[in-house]
C-alpha cells in the first residue's frame, strides 16, 4: 500500500473519533507502516547498489576475457581500459538506467517521508489538543497512600489509574504526550531475564538505549520534544526548597504505583520524611491549582 493511502487511512481514523485511544491505535499502526516503508527503501537501495557492482564486475570480466582472446596483456589494474565500443555503449546504457532508477527511488522516498512526517505531525497535534481539553474539563484523580517504615522513613503508593488518566498525568507532570496509550501498564520485555525496559525503542530512542541508568533517563525526560516514549512509569519533577528539582517516578506495580526517587544510577523506594512530604506537597499544589483531584490516606 502506498504512503498516501496509509497516511490517509490513519488520519481518517484519527479525525472520525474524539477519543484518545483510537488516535493512539492509528498512530501506532502508522509508525509500524513507516518502519516497514523505510526497510523497503533500504532494501531497494541495496539491490540497486548490488546490481551496479555486479554490472561493473561483469564488464571487467568480459573485457579481460576479450583481451586474452586476442593475446593482449591483462590490465595491471582491474579497470575497464580495454573496453571497446559495443562494450562501452552497453556499460553506459546500463549505468544510465541505474542512475534513473536511483533518482526515481530517491524521489519516491522523499515523497513518502514527507507524507508520513505530515501525518505524524497532525496526529501529535491532535492528541496534544485533546489531552489539554480533557485536563481542563476533567482533571485526573489520584489517591496517595502513605505507609510508614520506622520513625523517619516511608513508602508512598498511588492507587492504579485507568483509561486516559496515564496520558493526562504524563502531560501534567512532564508537559509531553506518551508515544503509546497503554504505556503505563505495559510490562512486556524483550528478554525474560530482564525487567521491562523504561523506554520504548522509538521517537529517537535506539534499541540499545531503552535501559538507561537514572541520570540518562532523567536527561531523556528533560530533553525537548513533544513525545516521550516512557514505559511502565510516570515521571515527576519535584522542586527542592534550596533550588533545583528531584526526579521521582511512579512505577507501576500491580494495583498500585510505587513512588521512587532517583539516587545515583538507580532509584530508591523507601523515602525520607522530607522527600515524602515534598512529593505529597507537590501533588497538593496541583490540586489547589485545579489541575488534579487528590485524596491522601496515611496508614
Foldseek 3Di string as FASTA:
>chain_A
DALVVLLVVLVVQLVVDLFQASLLVSLVVLVVVVVVVVVVLVVVVVVLVVVLVVLQVVLLVVQQVVCVVVVHDGDPDSHNVSDDDVSVVVNVVVVVVSVVVVVVSVVSVVVSVVSSVVSNVVSLVSNVVSLVVCLVVPAEEWEKEWADDPDWKIWIKIFDDDDQNVQSLQCVAQVAGESHRQQQPDFDDPDPVDTHFQFDCDPPRHPVRRHFFPVVVVVLSNDDDRYGRTHQKHWHWFADPVGDTWIWIQGDDPRITIIWTHDPRHTDRIGTNVVVVRVVVVVVVCVVVVRYHYHYHYD
